[in-house]
PDB file of N, CA and C in Angstrom:
ATOM      1  N   UNK A   1      99.099-106.080  95.719  1.00  0.00           N
ATOM      2  CA  UNK A   1      97.587-106.385  95.518  1.00  0.00           C
ATOM      3  C   UNK A   1      96.899-106.686  96.795  1.00  0.00           C
ATOM      4  N   UNK A   2      97.616-107.398  97.643  1.00  0.00           N
ATOM      5  CA  UNK A   2      96.833-107.754  98.923  1.00  0.00           C
ATOM      6  C   UNK A   2      96.440-106.507  99.783  1.00  0.00           C
ATOM      7  N   UNK A   3      97.304-105.540  99.832  1.00  0.00           N
ATOM      8  CA  UNK A   3      97.048-104.380 100.506  1.00  0.00           C
ATOM      9  C   UNK A   3      95.933-103.496  99.893  1.00  0.00           C
ATOM     10  N   UNK A   4      95.796-103.608  98.435  1.00  0.00           N
ATOM     11  CA  UNK A   4      94.632-102.963  97.751  1.00  0.00           C
ATOM     12  C   UNK A   4      93.291-103.659  98.064  1.00  0.00           C
ATOM     13  N   UNK A   5      93.389-104.915  98.177  1.00  0.00           N
ATOM     14  CA  UNK A   5      92.134-105.586  98.626  1.00  0.00           C
ATOM     15  C   UNK A   5      91.701-105.283 100.120  1.00  0.00           C
ATOM     16  N   UNK A   6      92.769-105.148 100.827  1.00  0.00           N
ATOM     17  CA  UNK A   6      92.557-104.845 102.287  1.00  0.00           C
ATOM     18  C   UNK A   6      91.968-103.247 102.418  1.00  0.00           C
ATOM     19  N   UNK A   7      92.439-102.393 101.486  1.00  0.00           N
ATOM     20  CA  UNK A   7      91.899-101.112 101.508  1.00  0.00           C
ATOM     21  C   UNK A   7      90.480-101.116 100.911  1.00  0.00           C
ATOM     22  N   UNK A   8      90.101-101.857  99.933  1.00  0.00           N
ATOM     23  CA  UNK A   8      88.788-102.094  99.586  1.00  0.00           C
ATOM     24  C   UNK A   8      87.899-102.635 100.749  1.00  0.00           C
ATOM     25  N   UNK A   9      88.322-103.568 101.483  1.00  0.00           N
ATOM     26  CA  UNK A   9      87.682-104.219 102.675  1.00  0.00           C
ATOM     27  C   UNK A   9      87.379-103.069 103.807  1.00  0.00           C
ATOM     28  N   UNK A  10      88.413-102.212 103.975  1.00  0.00           N
ATOM     29  CA  UNK A  10      88.328-101.073 104.897  1.00  0.00           C
ATOM     30  C   UNK A  10      87.271-100.150 104.399  1.00  0.00           C
ATOM     31  N   UNK A  11      87.213 -99.768 103.255  1.00  0.00           N
ATOM     32  CA  UNK A  11      86.257 -98.858 102.507  1.00  0.00           C
ATOM     33  C   UNK A  11      84.875 -99.419 102.604  1.00  0.00           C
ATOM     34  N   UNK A  12      84.709-100.620 102.478  1.00  0.00           N
ATOM     35  CA  UNK A  12      83.480-101.381 102.419  1.00  0.00           C
ATOM     36  C   UNK A  12      82.876-101.385 103.860  1.00  0.00           C
ATOM     37  N   UNK A  13      83.877-101.525 104.807  1.00  0.00           N
ATOM     38  CA  UNK A  13      83.588-101.664 106.220  1.00  0.00           C
ATOM     39  C   UNK A  13      83.000-100.291 106.615  1.00  0.00           C
ATOM     40  N   UNK A  14      83.599 -99.178 106.254  1.00  0.00           N
ATOM     41  CA  UNK A  14      83.442 -97.676 106.571  1.00  0.00           C
ATOM     42  C   UNK A  14      81.958 -97.488 106.051  1.00  0.00           C
ATOM     43  N   UNK A  15      81.707 -97.816 104.787  1.00  0.00           N
ATOM     44  CA  UNK A  15      80.340 -97.741 104.174  1.00  0.00           C
ATOM     45  C   UNK A  15      79.313 -98.359 104.975  1.00  0.00           C
ATOM     46  N   UNK A  16      79.538 -99.590 105.180  1.00  0.00           N
ATOM     47  CA  UNK A  16      78.563-100.479 106.091  1.00  0.00           C
ATOM     48  C   UNK A  16      78.282 -99.770 107.429  1.00  0.00           C
ATOM     49  N   UNK A  17      79.346 -99.288 108.154  1.00  0.00           N
ATOM     50  CA  UNK A  17      79.100 -98.755 109.414  1.00  0.00           C
ATOM     51  C   UNK A  17      78.400 -97.417 109.225  1.00  0.00           C
ATOM     52  N   UNK A  18      78.591 -96.631 108.410  1.00  0.00           N
ATOM     53  CA  UNK A  18      77.927 -95.323 108.038  1.00  0.00           C
ATOM     54  C   UNK A  18      76.448 -95.758 107.799  1.00  0.00           C
ATOM     55  N   UNK A  19      76.205 -96.705 107.012  1.00  0.00           N
ATOM     56  CA  UNK A  19      74.865 -96.962 106.494  1.00  0.00           C
ATOM     57  C   UNK A  19      74.162 -97.667 107.726  1.00  0.00           C
ATOM     58  N   UNK A  20      74.835 -98.271 108.591  1.00  0.00           N
ATOM     59  CA  UNK A  20      74.380 -98.904 109.826  1.00  0.00           C
ATOM     60  C   UNK A  20      73.603 -97.687 110.684  1.00  0.00           C
ATOM     61  N   UNK A  21      74.301 -96.790 110.846  1.00  0.00           N
ATOM     62  CA  UNK A  21      73.681 -95.512 111.581  1.00  0.00           C
ATOM     63  C   UNK A  21      72.463 -95.001 110.806  1.00  0.00           C
ATOM     64  N   UNK A  22      72.768 -94.870 109.449  1.00  0.00           N
ATOM     65  CA  UNK A  22      71.600 -94.306 108.541  1.00  0.00           C
ATOM     66  C   UNK A  22      70.311 -95.284 108.529  1.00  0.00           C
ATOM     67  N   UNK A  23      70.617 -96.553 108.859  1.00  0.00           N
ATOM     68  CA  UNK A  23      69.436 -97.513 108.813  1.00  0.00           C
ATOM     69  C   UNK A  23      68.487 -97.309 109.852  1.00  0.00           C
ATOM     70  N   UNK A  24      68.919 -96.759 111.031  1.00  0.00           N
ATOM     71  CA  UNK A  24      67.928 -96.464 112.071  1.00  0.00           C
ATOM     72  C   UNK A  24      67.469 -97.720 112.676  1.00  0.00           C
ATOM     73  N   UNK A  25      68.409 -98.661 112.962  1.00  0.00           N
ATOM     74  CA  UNK A  25      68.069-100.067 113.534  1.00  0.00           C
ATOM     75  C   UNK A  25      67.441-100.938 112.494  1.00  0.00           C
ATOM     76  N   UNK A  26      67.799-100.691 111.173  1.00  0.00           N
ATOM     77  CA  UNK A  26      67.306-101.516 110.202  1.00  0.00           C
ATOM     78  C   UNK A  26      65.874-101.285 109.952  1.00  0.00           C
ATOM     79  N   UNK A  27      65.438-100.038 110.147  1.00  0.00           N
ATOM     80  CA  UNK A  27      64.030 -99.687 109.798  1.00  0.00           C
ATOM     81  C   UNK A  27      63.928 -98.932 108.557  1.00  0.00           C
ATOM     82  N   UNK A  28      65.001 -98.622 107.900  1.00  0.00           N
ATOM     83  CA  UNK A  28      65.087 -97.999 106.534  1.00  0.00           C
ATOM     84  C   UNK A  28      65.683 -98.957 105.430  1.00  0.00           C
ATOM     85  N   UNK A  29      64.885 -99.284 104.499  1.00  0.00           N
ATOM     86  CA  UNK A  29      65.270-100.293 103.625  1.00  0.00           C
ATOM     87  C   UNK A  29      66.626-100.100 102.790  1.00  0.00           C
ATOM     88  N   UNK A  30      66.857 -99.010 102.048  1.00  0.00           N
ATOM     89  CA  UNK A  30      67.968 -98.873 101.438  1.00  0.00           C
ATOM     90  C   UNK A  30      69.200 -98.869 102.124  1.00  0.00           C
ATOM     91  N   UNK A  31      69.421 -98.115 103.194  1.00  0.00           N
ATOM     92  CA  UNK A  31      70.486 -98.097 104.084  1.00  0.00           C
ATOM     93  C   UNK A  31      70.704 -99.444 104.647  1.00  0.00           C
ATOM     94  N   UNK A  32      69.687-100.288 105.020  1.00  0.00           N
ATOM     95  CA  UNK A  32      69.866-101.623 105.477  1.00  0.00           C
ATOM     96  C   UNK A  32      70.413-102.420 104.572  1.00  0.00           C
ATOM     97  N   UNK A  33      70.036-102.355 103.318  1.00  0.00           N
ATOM     98  CA  UNK A  33      70.487-103.162 102.199  1.00  0.00           C
ATOM     99  C   UNK A  33      72.004-102.935 101.988  1.00  0.00           C
ATOM    100  N   UNK A  34      72.281-101.708 101.884  1.00  0.00           N
ATOM    101  CA  UNK A  34      73.702-101.140 101.643  1.00  0.00           C
ATOM    102  C   UNK A  34      74.559-101.678 102.832  1.00  0.00           C
ATOM    103  N   UNK A  35      74.000-101.628 104.147  1.00  0.00           N
ATOM    104  CA  UNK A  35      74.764-102.041 105.307  1.00  0.00           C
ATOM    105  C   UNK A  35      75.257-103.639 105.034  1.00  0.00           C
ATOM    106  N   UNK A  36      74.294-104.386 104.721  1.00  0.00           N
ATOM    107  CA  UNK A  36      74.621-105.925 104.610  1.00  0.00           C
ATOM    108  C   UNK A  36      75.471-106.097 103.487  1.00  0.00           C
ATOM    109  N   UNK A  37      75.160-105.433 102.383  1.00  0.00           N
ATOM    110  CA  UNK A  37      76.154-105.701 101.065  1.00  0.00           C
ATOM    111  C   UNK A  37      77.655-105.284 101.273  1.00  0.00           C
ATOM    112  N   UNK A  38      77.713-104.089 102.000  1.00  0.00           N
ATOM    113  CA  UNK A  38      78.860-103.454 102.355  1.00  0.00           C
ATOM    114  C   UNK A  38      79.752-104.476 103.356  1.00  0.00           C
ATOM    115  N   UNK A  39      79.035-104.859 104.215  1.00  0.00           N
ATOM    116  CA  UNK A  39      79.817-105.836 105.335  1.00  0.00           C
ATOM    117  C   UNK A  39      80.236-107.128 104.630  1.00  0.00           C
ATOM    118  N   UNK A  40      79.268-107.599 103.729  1.00  0.00           N
ATOM    119  CA  UNK A  40      79.723-108.857 103.103  1.00  0.00           C
ATOM    120  C   UNK A  40      80.981-108.614 102.088  1.00  0.00           C
ATOM    121  N   UNK A  41      80.902-107.479 101.508  1.00  0.00           N
ATOM    122  CA  UNK A  41      82.099-107.164 100.652  1.00  0.00           C
ATOM    123  C   UNK A  41      83.296-106.996 101.576  1.00  0.00           C
ATOM    124  N   UNK A  42      83.169-106.361 102.522  1.00  0.00           N
ATOM    125  CA  UNK A  42      84.266-106.090 103.483  1.00  0.00           C
ATOM    126  C   UNK A  42      84.938-107.398 103.983  1.00  0.00           C
ATOM    127  N   UNK A  43      84.163-108.346 104.416  1.00  0.00           N
ATOM    128  CA  UNK A  43      84.687-109.595 104.964  1.00  0.00           C
ATOM    129  C   UNK A  43      85.229-110.447 103.709  1.00  0.00           C
ATOM    130  N   UNK A  44      84.605-110.350 102.603  1.00  0.00           N
ATOM    131  CA  UNK A  44      85.078-110.953 101.438  1.00  0.00           C
ATOM    132  C   UNK A  44      86.504-110.590 101.099  1.00  0.00           C
ATOM    133  N   UNK A  45      86.735-109.222 100.889  1.00  0.00           N
ATOM    134  CA  UNK A  45      87.947-108.640 100.603  1.00  0.00           C
ATOM    135  C   UNK A  45      89.103-108.855 101.712  1.00  0.00           C
ATOM    136  N   UNK A  46      88.575-108.867 102.858  1.00  0.00           N
ATOM    137  CA  UNK A  46      89.530-109.097 104.077  1.00  0.00           C
ATOM    138  C   UNK A  46      89.955-110.533 104.085  1.00  0.00           C
ATOM    139  N   UNK A  47      89.009-111.532 103.634  1.00  0.00           N
ATOM    140  CA  UNK A  47      89.500-112.853 103.611  1.00  0.00           C
ATOM    141  C   UNK A  47      90.412-113.178 102.353  1.00  0.00           C
ATOM    142  N   UNK A  48      90.353-112.516 101.336  1.00  0.00           N
ATOM    143  CA  UNK A  48      91.270-112.623 100.143  1.00  0.00           C
ATOM    144  C   UNK A  48      92.544-112.071 100.492  1.00  0.00           C
ATOM    145  N   UNK A  49      92.560-110.874 101.244  1.00  0.00           N
ATOM    146  CA  UNK A  49      93.898-110.255 101.604  1.00  0.00           C
ATOM    147  C   UNK A  49      94.618-111.109 102.537  1.00  0.00           C
ATOM    148  N   UNK A  50      93.917-111.973 103.346  1.00  0.00           N
ATOM    149  CA  UNK A  50      94.631-112.873 104.152  1.00  0.00           C
ATOM    150  C   UNK A  50      95.525-113.945 103.575  1.00  0.00           C
ATOM    151  N   UNK A  51      95.313-114.041 102.300  1.00  0.00           N
ATOM    152  CA  UNK A  51      96.132-115.098 101.527  1.00  0.00           C
ATOM    153  C   UNK A  51      97.534-114.639 101.484  1.00  0.00           C
ATOM    154  N   UNK A  52      97.790-113.394 101.687  1.00  0.00           N
ATOM    155  CA  UNK A  52      99.262-112.778 101.515  1.00  0.00           C
ATOM    156  C   UNK A  52      99.553-111.969 102.821  1.00  0.00           C
ATOM    157  N   UNK A  53      98.561-111.457 103.552  1.00  0.00           N
ATOM    158  CA  UNK A  53      98.939-110.697 104.606  1.00  0.00           C
ATOM    159  C   UNK A  53      98.842-111.423 106.047  1.00  0.00           C
ATOM    160  N   UNK A  54      99.608-111.527 106.931  1.00  0.00           N
ATOM    161  CA  UNK A  54      99.393-112.173 108.151  1.00  0.00           C
ATOM    162  C   UNK A  54      98.033-111.640 108.883  1.00  0.00           C
ATOM    163  N   UNK A  55      97.314-112.496 109.424  1.00  0.00           N
ATOM    164  CA  UNK A  55      96.075-112.244 110.203  1.00  0.00           C
ATOM    165  C   UNK A  55      96.254-111.111 111.184  1.00  0.00           C
ATOM    166  N   UNK A  56      97.189-111.193 112.001  1.00  0.00           N
ATOM    167  CA  UNK A  56      97.320-110.259 113.076  1.00  0.00           C
ATOM    168  C   UNK A  56      97.628-108.715 112.393  1.00  0.00           C
ATOM    169  N   UNK A  57      98.347-108.725 111.394  1.00  0.00           N
ATOM    170  CA  UNK A  57      98.826-107.540 110.680  1.00  0.00           C
ATOM    171  C   UNK A  57      97.454-106.951 109.922  1.00  0.00           C
ATOM    172  N   UNK A  58      96.819-107.762 109.179  1.00  0.00           N
ATOM    173  CA  UNK A  58      95.681-107.359 108.414  1.00  0.00           C
ATOM    174  C   UNK A  58      94.537-106.880 109.460  1.00  0.00           C
ATOM    175  N   UNK A  59      94.282-107.607 110.424  1.00  0.00           N
ATOM    176  CA  UNK A  59      93.205-107.307 111.166  1.00  0.00           C
ATOM    177  C   UNK A  59      93.541-106.075 112.160  1.00  0.00           C
ATOM    178  N   UNK A  60      94.737-105.914 112.435  1.00  0.00           N
ATOM    179  CA  UNK A  60      95.195-104.611 113.124  1.00  0.00           C
ATOM    180  C   UNK A  60      94.908-103.377 112.136  1.00  0.00           C
ATOM    181  N   UNK A  61      95.301-103.430 110.896  1.00  0.00           N
ATOM    182  CA  UNK A  61      95.140-102.375 109.950  1.00  0.00           C
ATOM    183  C   UNK A  61      93.677-102.227 109.794  1.00  0.00           C
ATOM    184  N   UNK A  62      92.930-103.285 109.482  1.00  0.00           N
ATOM    185  CA  UNK A  62      91.413-103.275 109.122  1.00  0.00           C
ATOM    186  C   UNK A  62      90.750-102.680 110.318  1.00  0.00           C
ATOM    187  N   UNK A  63      90.949-103.198 111.487  1.00  0.00           N
ATOM    188  CA  UNK A  63      90.049-102.665 112.754  1.00  0.00           C
ATOM    189  C   UNK A  63      90.619-101.320 113.138  1.00  0.00           C
ATOM    190  N   UNK A  64      91.952-101.098 113.051  1.00  0.00           N
ATOM    191  CA  UNK A  64      92.421 -99.763 113.504  1.00  0.00           C
ATOM    192  C   UNK A  64      92.132 -98.639 112.621  1.00  0.00           C
ATOM    193  N   UNK A  65      92.324 -98.791 111.277  1.00  0.00           N
ATOM    194  CA  UNK A  65      91.872 -97.731 110.342  1.00  0.00           C
ATOM    195  C   UNK A  65      90.478 -97.604 110.332  1.00  0.00           C
ATOM    196  N   UNK A  66      89.704 -98.670 110.401  1.00  0.00           N
ATOM    197  CA  UNK A  66      88.388 -98.564 110.369  1.00  0.00           C
ATOM    198  C   UNK A  66      87.672 -97.759 111.579  1.00  0.00           C
ATOM    199  N   UNK A  67      88.293 -98.055 112.765  1.00  0.00           N
ATOM    200  CA  UNK A  67      87.927 -97.306 113.896  1.00  0.00           C
ATOM    201  C   UNK A  67      88.319 -95.816 113.826  1.00  0.00           C
ATOM    202  N   UNK A  68      89.348 -95.629 113.372  1.00  0.00           N
ATOM    203  CA  UNK A  68      89.891 -94.076 113.398  1.00  0.00           C
ATOM    204  C   UNK A  68      89.019 -93.369 112.344  1.00  0.00           C
ATOM    205  N   UNK A  69      88.861 -93.921 111.152  1.00  0.00           N
ATOM    206  CA  UNK A  69      88.047 -93.215 110.114  1.00  0.00           C
ATOM    207  C   UNK A  69      86.584 -93.167 110.538  1.00  0.00           C
ATOM    208  N   UNK A  70      86.117 -94.248 111.165  1.00  0.00           N
ATOM    209  CA  UNK A  70      84.758 -94.183 111.515  1.00  0.00           C
ATOM    210  C   UNK A  70      84.431 -93.119 112.650  1.00  0.00           C
ATOM    211  N   UNK A  71      85.514 -92.719 113.564  1.00  0.00           N
ATOM    212  CA  UNK A  71      85.252 -91.630 114.380  1.00  0.00           C
ATOM    213  C   UNK A  71      85.398 -90.286 113.694  1.00  0.00           C
ATOM    214  N   UNK A  72      86.158 -90.321 112.608  1.00  0.00           N
ATOM    215  CA  UNK A  72      86.103 -89.003 111.811  1.00  0.00           C
ATOM    216  C   UNK A  72      84.842 -88.818 111.102  1.00  0.00           C
ATOM    217  N   UNK A  73      84.251 -89.918 110.563  1.00  0.00           N
ATOM    218  CA  UNK A  73      83.094 -89.835 109.919  1.00  0.00           C
ATOM    219  C   UNK A  73      81.945 -89.483 110.810  1.00  0.00           C
ATOM    220  N   UNK A  74      82.045 -90.128 111.934  1.00  0.00           N
ATOM    221  CA  UNK A  74      80.850 -89.818 112.999  1.00  0.00           C
ATOM    222  C   UNK A  74      80.862 -88.428 113.302  1.00  0.00           C
ATOM    223  N   UNK A  75      82.174 -87.713 113.411  1.00  0.00           N
ATOM    224  CA  UNK A  75      82.058 -86.153 113.820  1.00  0.00           C
ATOM    225  C   UNK A  75      81.855 -85.492 112.752  1.00  0.00           C
ATOM    226  N   UNK A  76      82.388 -85.722 111.461  1.00  0.00           N
ATOM    227  CA  UNK A  76      82.074 -84.932 110.299  1.00  0.00           C
ATOM    228  C   UNK A  76      80.747 -84.879 109.730  1.00  0.00           C
ATOM    229  N   UNK A  77      80.116 -86.232 109.566  1.00  0.00           N
ATOM    230  CA  UNK A  77      78.935 -86.474 108.798  1.00  0.00           C
ATOM    231  C   UNK A  77      77.744 -86.515 109.885  1.00  0.00           C
ATOM    232  N   UNK A  78      78.032 -87.214 110.966  1.00  0.00           N
ATOM    233  CA  UNK A  78      76.864 -87.344 111.852  1.00  0.00           C
ATOM    234  C   UNK A  78      76.940 -86.406 113.114  1.00  0.00           C
ATOM    235  N   UNK A  79      77.839 -85.477 113.034  1.00  0.00           N
ATOM    236  CA  UNK A  79      77.912 -84.333 113.985  1.00  0.00           C
ATOM    237  C   UNK A  79      78.017 -84.900 115.505  1.00  0.00           C
ATOM    238  N   UNK A  80      78.661 -85.971 115.621  1.00  0.00           N
ATOM    239  CA  UNK A  80      78.832 -86.491 117.059  1.00  0.00           C
ATOM    240  C   UNK A  80      79.937 -85.846 117.659  1.00  0.00           C
ATOM    241  N   UNK A  81      79.899 -85.736 118.970  1.00  0.00           N
ATOM    242  CA  UNK A  81      80.912 -85.066 119.726  1.00  0.00           C
ATOM    243  C   UNK A  81      82.177 -86.013 120.114  1.00  0.00           C
ATOM    244  N   UNK A  82      83.411 -85.428 120.214  1.00  0.00           N
ATOM    245  CA  UNK A  82      84.561 -86.225 120.514  1.00  0.00           C
ATOM    246  C   UNK A  82      85.256 -85.607 121.636  1.00  0.00           C
ATOM    247  N   UNK A  83      85.821 -86.407 122.584  1.00  0.00           N
ATOM    248  CA  UNK A  83      86.523 -85.647 123.798  1.00  0.00           C
ATOM    249  C   UNK A  83      87.874 -86.134 123.821  1.00  0.00           C
ATOM    250  N   UNK A  84      88.603 -85.684 124.812  1.00  0.00           N
ATOM    251  CA  UNK A  84      90.063 -85.901 124.918  1.00  0.00           C
ATOM    252  C   UNK A  84      90.437 -87.350 125.057  1.00  0.00           C
ATOM    253  N   UNK A  85      89.653 -88.094 125.926  1.00  0.00           N
ATOM    254  CA  UNK A  85      89.747 -89.431 125.993  1.00  0.00           C
ATOM    255  C   UNK A  85      89.727 -90.253 124.522  1.00  0.00           C
ATOM    256  N   UNK A  86      88.825 -89.731 123.803  1.00  0.00           N
ATOM    257  CA  UNK A  86      88.592 -90.418 122.442  1.00  0.00           C
ATOM    258  C   UNK A  86      89.827 -90.208 121.606  1.00  0.00           C
ATOM    259  N   UNK A  87      90.387 -88.788 121.629  1.00  0.00           N
ATOM    260  CA  UNK A  87      91.525 -88.646 120.954  1.00  0.00           C
ATOM    261  C   UNK A  87      92.706 -89.474 121.309  1.00  0.00           C
ATOM    262  N   UNK A  88      92.890 -89.598 122.683  1.00  0.00           N
ATOM    263  CA  UNK A  88      94.092 -90.359 123.194  1.00  0.00           C
ATOM    264  C   UNK A  88      93.901 -91.875 122.750  1.00  0.00           C
ATOM    265  N   UNK A  89      92.700 -92.364 122.910  1.00  0.00           N
ATOM    266  CA  UNK A  89      92.400 -93.734 122.348  1.00  0.00           C
ATOM    267  C   UNK A  89      92.615 -93.948 120.975  1.00  0.00           C
ATOM    268  N   UNK A  90      92.264 -93.079 120.183  1.00  0.00           N
ATOM    269  CA  UNK A  90      92.476 -93.076 118.678  1.00  0.00           C
ATOM    270  C   UNK A  90      94.022 -93.024 118.485  1.00  0.00           C
ATOM    271  N   UNK A  91      94.716 -92.147 119.220  1.00  0.00           N
ATOM    272  CA  UNK A  91      96.140 -92.062 119.061  1.00  0.00           C
ATOM    273  C   UNK A  91      96.893 -93.402 119.354  1.00  0.00           C
ATOM    274  N   UNK A  92      96.397 -94.022 120.387  1.00  0.00           N
ATOM    275  CA  UNK A  92      96.886 -95.340 120.784  1.00  0.00           C
ATOM    276  C   UNK A  92      96.763 -96.394 119.706  1.00  0.00           C
ATOM    277  N   UNK A  93      95.560 -96.288 119.154  1.00  0.00           N
ATOM    278  CA  UNK A  93      95.348 -97.312 118.068  1.00  0.00           C
ATOM    279  C   UNK A  93      96.187 -97.136 116.858  1.00  0.00           C
ATOM    280  N   UNK A  94      96.455 -95.909 116.491  1.00  0.00           N
ATOM    281  CA  UNK A  94      97.302 -95.620 115.390  1.00  0.00           C
ATOM    282  C   UNK A  94      98.675 -95.995 115.707  1.00  0.00           C
ATOM    283  N   UNK A  95      99.180 -95.756 116.990  1.00  0.00           N
ATOM    284  CA  UNK A  95     100.535 -96.175 117.342  1.00  0.00           C
ATOM    285  C   UNK A  95     100.559 -97.664 117.258  1.00  0.00           C
ATOM    286  N   UNK A  96      99.641 -98.321 117.751  1.00  0.00           N
ATOM    287  CA  UNK A  96      99.565 -99.787 117.575  1.00  0.00           C
ATOM    288  C   UNK A  96      99.573-100.361 116.207  1.00  0.00           C
ATOM    289  N   UNK A  97      98.764 -99.850 115.312  1.00  0.00           N
ATOM    290  CA  UNK A  97      99.003-100.304 113.927  1.00  0.00           C
ATOM    291  C   UNK A  97     100.281 -99.931 113.367  1.00  0.00           C
ATOM    292  N   UNK A  98     100.953 -98.819 113.597  1.00  0.00           N
ATOM    293  CA  UNK A  98     102.324 -98.584 113.133  1.00  0.00           C
ATOM    294  C   UNK A  98     103.348 -99.592 113.657  1.00  0.00           C
ATOM    295  N   UNK A  99     103.266 -99.854 114.977  1.00  0.00           N
ATOM    296  CA  UNK A  99     104.192-100.664 115.575  1.00  0.00           C
ATOM    297  C   UNK A  99     104.148-102.127 114.883  1.00  0.00           C
ATOM    298  N   UNK A 100     102.845-102.510 114.730  1.00  0.00           N
ATOM    299  CA  UNK A 100     102.575-103.920 114.134  1.00  0.00           C
ATOM    300  C   UNK A 100     103.145-104.001 112.677  1.00  0.00           C
ATOM    301  N   UNK A 101     102.946-102.905 112.036  1.00  0.00           N
ATOM    302  CA  UNK A 101     103.473-102.848 110.673  1.00  0.00           C
ATOM    303  C   UNK A 101     104.936-102.750 110.573  1.00  0.00           C
ATOM    304  N   UNK A 102     105.571-102.076 111.394  1.00  0.00           N
ATOM    305  CA  UNK A 102     107.020-101.804 111.330  1.00  0.00           C
ATOM    306  C   UNK A 102     107.833-103.024 112.143  1.00  0.00           C
ATOM    307  N   UNK A 103     107.195-103.543 113.129  1.00  0.00           N
ATOM    308  CA  UNK A 103     107.961-104.655 113.828  1.00  0.00           C
ATOM    309  C   UNK A 103     107.265-106.045 114.028  1.00  0.00           C
ATOM    310  N   UNK A 104     106.078-106.119 113.502  1.00  0.00           N
ATOM    311  CA  UNK A 104     105.192-107.226 113.644  1.00  0.00           C
ATOM    312  C   UNK A 104     105.853-108.455 112.849  1.00  0.00           C
ATOM    313  N   UNK A 105     104.989-109.503 112.822  1.00  0.00           N
ATOM    314  CA  UNK A 105     105.426-110.679 111.958  1.00  0.00           C
ATOM    315  C   UNK A 105     105.707-110.400 110.522  1.00  0.00           C
ATOM    316  N   UNK A 106     106.648-111.016 110.037  1.00  0.00           N
ATOM    317  CA  UNK A 106     106.992-110.800 108.629  1.00  0.00           C
ATOM    318  C   UNK A 106     107.975-109.708 108.278  1.00  0.00           C
ATOM    319  N   UNK A 107     108.416-109.218 109.499  1.00  0.00           N
ATOM    320  CA  UNK A 107     109.510-108.229 109.480  1.00  0.00           C
ATOM    321  C   UNK A 107     110.939-108.643 110.051  1.00  0.00           C
ATOM    322  N   UNK A 108     110.851-109.948 110.399  1.00  0.00           N
ATOM    323  CA  UNK A 108     112.158-110.587 111.009  1.00  0.00           C
ATOM    324  C   UNK A 108     112.770-111.218 109.897  1.00  0.00           C
ATOM    325  N   UNK A 109     113.766-112.071 110.325  1.00  0.00           N
ATOM    326  CA  UNK A 109     114.565-112.784 109.334  1.00  0.00           C
ATOM    327  C   UNK A 109     113.747-114.015 108.689  1.00  0.00           C
ATOM    328  N   UNK A 110     114.263-114.482 107.742  1.00  0.00           N
ATOM    329  CA  UNK A 110     113.429-115.732 107.051  1.00  0.00           C
ATOM    330  C   UNK A 110     113.674-116.878 108.031  1.00  0.00           C
ATOM    331  N   UNK A 111     114.655-116.975 108.810  1.00  0.00           N
ATOM    332  CA  UNK A 111     114.793-117.968 109.749  1.00  0.00           C
ATOM    333  C   UNK A 111     113.645-117.895 110.822  1.00  0.00           C
ATOM    334  N   UNK A 112     113.341-116.705 111.253  1.00  0.00           N
ATOM    335  CA  UNK A 112     112.221-116.591 112.170  1.00  0.00           C
ATOM    336  C   UNK A 112     110.914-116.881 111.637  1.00  0.00           C
ATOM    337  N   UNK A 113     110.681-116.659 110.416  1.00  0.00           N
ATOM    338  CA  UNK A 113     109.451-116.965 109.796  1.00  0.00           C
ATOM    339  C   UNK A 113     109.395-118.451 109.640  1.00  0.00           C
ATOM    340  N   UNK A 114     110.553-119.192 109.210  1.00  0.00           N
ATOM    341  CA  UNK A 114     110.458-120.572 109.089  1.00  0.00           C
ATOM    342  C   UNK A 114     110.185-121.248 110.415  1.00  0.00           C
ATOM    343  N   UNK A 115     110.778-120.619 111.414  1.00  0.00           N
ATOM    344  CA  UNK A 115     110.634-121.297 112.736  1.00  0.00           C
ATOM    345  C   UNK A 115     109.166-121.169 113.262  1.00  0.00           C
ATOM    346  N   UNK A 116     108.657-120.108 112.996  1.00  0.00           N
ATOM    347  CA  UNK A 116     107.227-119.805 113.281  1.00  0.00           C
ATOM    348  C   UNK A 116     106.302-120.744 112.514  1.00  0.00           C
ATOM    349  N   UNK A 117     106.530-121.051 111.191  1.00  0.00           N
ATOM    350  CA  UNK A 117     105.727-121.942 110.435  1.00  0.00           C
ATOM    351  C   UNK A 117     105.797-123.331 110.972  1.00  0.00           C
ATOM    352  N   UNK A 118     107.025-123.604 111.364  1.00  0.00           N
ATOM    353  CA  UNK A 118     107.171-125.046 111.877  1.00  0.00           C
ATOM    354  C   UNK A 118     106.622-125.305 113.399  1.00  0.00           C
ATOM    355  N   UNK A 119     106.528-124.272 114.106  1.00  0.00           N
ATOM    356  CA  UNK A 119     106.048-124.354 115.430  1.00  0.00           C
ATOM    357  C   UNK A 119     104.574-124.693 115.482  1.00  0.00           C
ATOM    358  N   UNK A 120     103.914-124.295 114.453  1.00  0.00           N
ATOM    359  CA  UNK A 120     102.599-124.678 114.380  1.00  0.00           C
ATOM    360  C   UNK A 120     101.982-125.925 113.814  1.00  0.00           C
ATOM    361  N   UNK A 121     102.951-126.672 113.324  1.00  0.00           N
ATOM    362  CA  UNK A 121     102.547-128.059 112.778  1.00  0.00           C
ATOM    363  C   UNK A 121     102.138-128.936 113.887  1.00  0.00           C
ATOM    364  N   UNK A 122     101.369-129.761 113.474  1.00  0.00           N
ATOM    365  CA  UNK A 122     100.799-130.819 114.366  1.00  0.00           C
ATOM    366  C   UNK A 122     101.715-131.980 114.358  1.00  0.00           C
ATOM    367  N   UNK A 123     102.095-132.488 115.401  1.00  0.00           N
ATOM    368  CA  UNK A 123     102.981-133.642 115.453  1.00  0.00           C
ATOM    369  C   UNK A 123     102.023-134.806 115.964  1.00  0.00           C
ATOM    370  N   UNK A 124     102.102-136.052 115.327  1.00  0.00           N
ATOM    371  CA  UNK A 124     101.366-137.152 115.663  1.00  0.00           C
ATOM    372  C   UNK A 124     101.652-137.727 116.960  1.00  0.00           C
TER     373      UNK A 124
END
């Protein structure tokens, strides 16, 4: 369920970003309203997903997929150009998201997770 909420958050962020472009600097009313509502929804669903998904993993997925799909949207819908450096950078983002999901927090033993939780407690 948490990953579904994260996906909703990402979709909302993508809508907000596209409408941000369409708003022409918040000079067009409807795209401006959609931008604000979409970003509020995005952060709301991201915050709910953080109840179950570690922050670093959720944010890596949220920002990584958001960045990659935003580039695709900018090329397909907004007809913006992309170059080799952009493709390399996007590839590195994808690799980073995959590495965090395969090897990041929550993928170790339960002893590691327990040690991590206890290392953040405040001692008087």
